[in-house]
Amino acid sequence: MEAVETKQITVTIAGRPYPLKISARDESAIRKLVKEVNEKINRFQLNYAKRDKQDSLAMAILTYAVDLQVAKQKNTTQDQDLSDKLSQLDELLSNLMK
């Protein structure tokens, strides 16, 4: 089994630093996500200037949670469709073997 190389990085989200211990191979993906999160927070701050940073952060997190839920539902539906098709194929093959 291969050992996973880890490293310490610090990311800044909404102006606050967060130290992370990550897999070295994940660093570029994490930094890309941090940039995306900060951009989303900044858009909320521009659109809702009278709200504080905490509100913008909460709204950004909510959008990610909604996206994750939609993706899970889509995946579940696709899994069920595949399972149904495999059952139909199994039934057809069983009928051919009779």
Protein backbone atom coordinates (compact mmCIF):
# COMPACT_ATOMS: atom_id res chain seq x y z
CA MET A 1 0.00 0.00 0.00
CA GLU A 2 1.35 3.39 -1.02
CA ALA A 3 1.86 6.07 1.64
CA VAL A 4 0.01 9.30 1.00
CA GLU A 5 2.19 12.39 1.08
CA THR A 6 0.60 15.11 3.18
CA LYS A 7 1.42 18.76 3.53
CA GLN A 8 0.36 21.77 5.57
CA ILE A 9 -1.16 24.69 3.70
CA THR A 10 -3.06 27.76 4.78
CA VAL A 11 -6.05 28.92 2.79
CA THR A 12 -7.92 32.17 3.21
CA ILE A 13 -11.71 32.14 3.05
CA ALA A 14 -13.67 35.36 3.49
CA GLY A 15 -10.53 37.07 4.72
CA ARG A 16 -9.73 34.53 7.44
CA PRO A 17 -6.81 32.07 7.30
CA TYR A 18 -7.43 28.36 7.84
CA PRO A 19 -4.54 25.92 8.23
CA LEU A 20 -5.16 22.55 6.56
CA LYS A 21 -3.33 19.26 6.47
CA ILE A 22 -4.03 17.78 3.04
CA SER A 23 -2.87 15.16 0.61
CA ALA A 24 -0.22 16.78 -1.59
CA ARG A 25 -2.02 15.59 -4.73
CA ASP A 26 -5.19 17.45 -3.66
CA GLU A 27 -3.55 20.85 -3.25
CA SER A 28 -4.39 22.28 -6.66
CA ALA A 29 -8.05 21.16 -6.45
CA ILE A 30 -8.37 22.61 -2.95
CA ARG A 31 -6.85 25.92 -3.98
CA LYS A 32 -9.20 26.08 -6.98
CA LEU A 33 -12.20 25.41 -4.71
CA VAL A 34 -11.06 28.06 -2.22
CA LYS A 35 -10.82 30.58 -5.06
CA GLU A 36 -14.32 29.63 -6.25
CA VAL A 37 -15.75 29.93 -2.72
CA ASN A 38 -14.19 33.35 -2.24
CA GLU A 39 -15.55 34.53 -5.60
CA LYS A 40 -19.03 33.30 -4.64
CA ILE A 41 -18.82 35.08 -1.27
CA ASN A 42 -17.67 38.27 -2.99
CA ARG A 43 -20.62 38.11 -5.42
CA PHE A 44 -23.04 37.77 -2.50
CA GLN A 45 -21.37 40.72 -0.76
CA LEU A 46 -21.78 42.84 -3.88
CA ASN A 47 -25.40 41.82 -4.41
CA TYR A 48 -26.33 42.23 -0.74
CA ALA A 49 -24.11 45.09 0.36
CA LYS A 50 -26.09 45.77 3.53
CA ARG A 51 -25.53 42.25 4.83
CA ASP A 52 -22.44 41.22 6.76
CA LYS A 53 -19.78 38.78 5.64
CA GLN A 54 -21.31 35.98 7.72
CA ASP A 55 -24.52 36.20 5.67
CA SER A 56 -22.56 36.02 2.43
CA LEU A 57 -20.65 33.01 3.72
CA ALA A 58 -23.87 31.28 4.77
CA MET A 59 -25.46 31.90 1.37
CA ALA A 60 -22.39 30.56 -0.43
CA ILE A 61 -22.49 27.40 1.69
CA LEU A 62 -26.21 27.04 1.03
CA THR A 63 -25.67 27.18 -2.74
CA TYR A 64 -23.07 24.41 -2.48
CA ALA A 65 -25.39 22.32 -0.32
CA VAL A 66 -28.21 22.71 -2.85
CA ASP A 67 -25.87 21.77 -5.71
CA LEU A 68 -24.71 18.70 -3.78
CA GLN A 69 -28.28 17.62 -3.03
CA VAL A 70 -29.31 18.00 -6.68
CA ALA A 71 -26.28 15.98 -7.80
CA LYS A 72 -27.08 13.22 -5.28
CA GLN A 73 -30.70 13.05 -6.45
CA LYS A 74 -29.59 12.93 -10.08
CA ASN A 75 -27.09 10.18 -9.27
CA THR A 76 -29.74 8.19 -7.37
CA THR A 77 -32.13 8.48 -10.33
CA GLN A 78 -29.42 7.38 -12.75
CA ASP A 79 -28.52 4.45 -10.50
CA GLN A 80 -32.16 3.38 -10.35
CA ASP A 81 -32.49 3.68 -14.15
CA LEU A 82 -29.39 1.55 -14.61
CA SER A 83 -30.65 -1.01 -12.11
CA ASP A 84 -34.01 -1.19 -13.93
CA LYS A 85 -32.29 -1.66 -17.29
CA LEU A 86 -30.03 -4.38 -15.89
CA SER A 87 -33.08 -6.17 -14.46
CA GLN A 88 -34.81 -5.99 -17.83
CA LEU A 89 -31.71 -7.32 -19.56
CA ASP A 90 -31.43 -10.13 -17.02
CA GLU A 91 -35.06 -11.03 -17.61
CA LEU A 92 -34.55 -11.04 -21.38
CA LEU A 93 -31.48 -13.26 -21.07
CA SER A 94 -33.33 -15.62 -18.73
CA ASN A 95 -36.16 -15.91 -21.25
CA LEU A 96 -33.70 -16.67 -24.06
CA MET A 97 -32.13 -19.47 -22.01
CA LYS A 98 -35.45 -21.27 -21.53
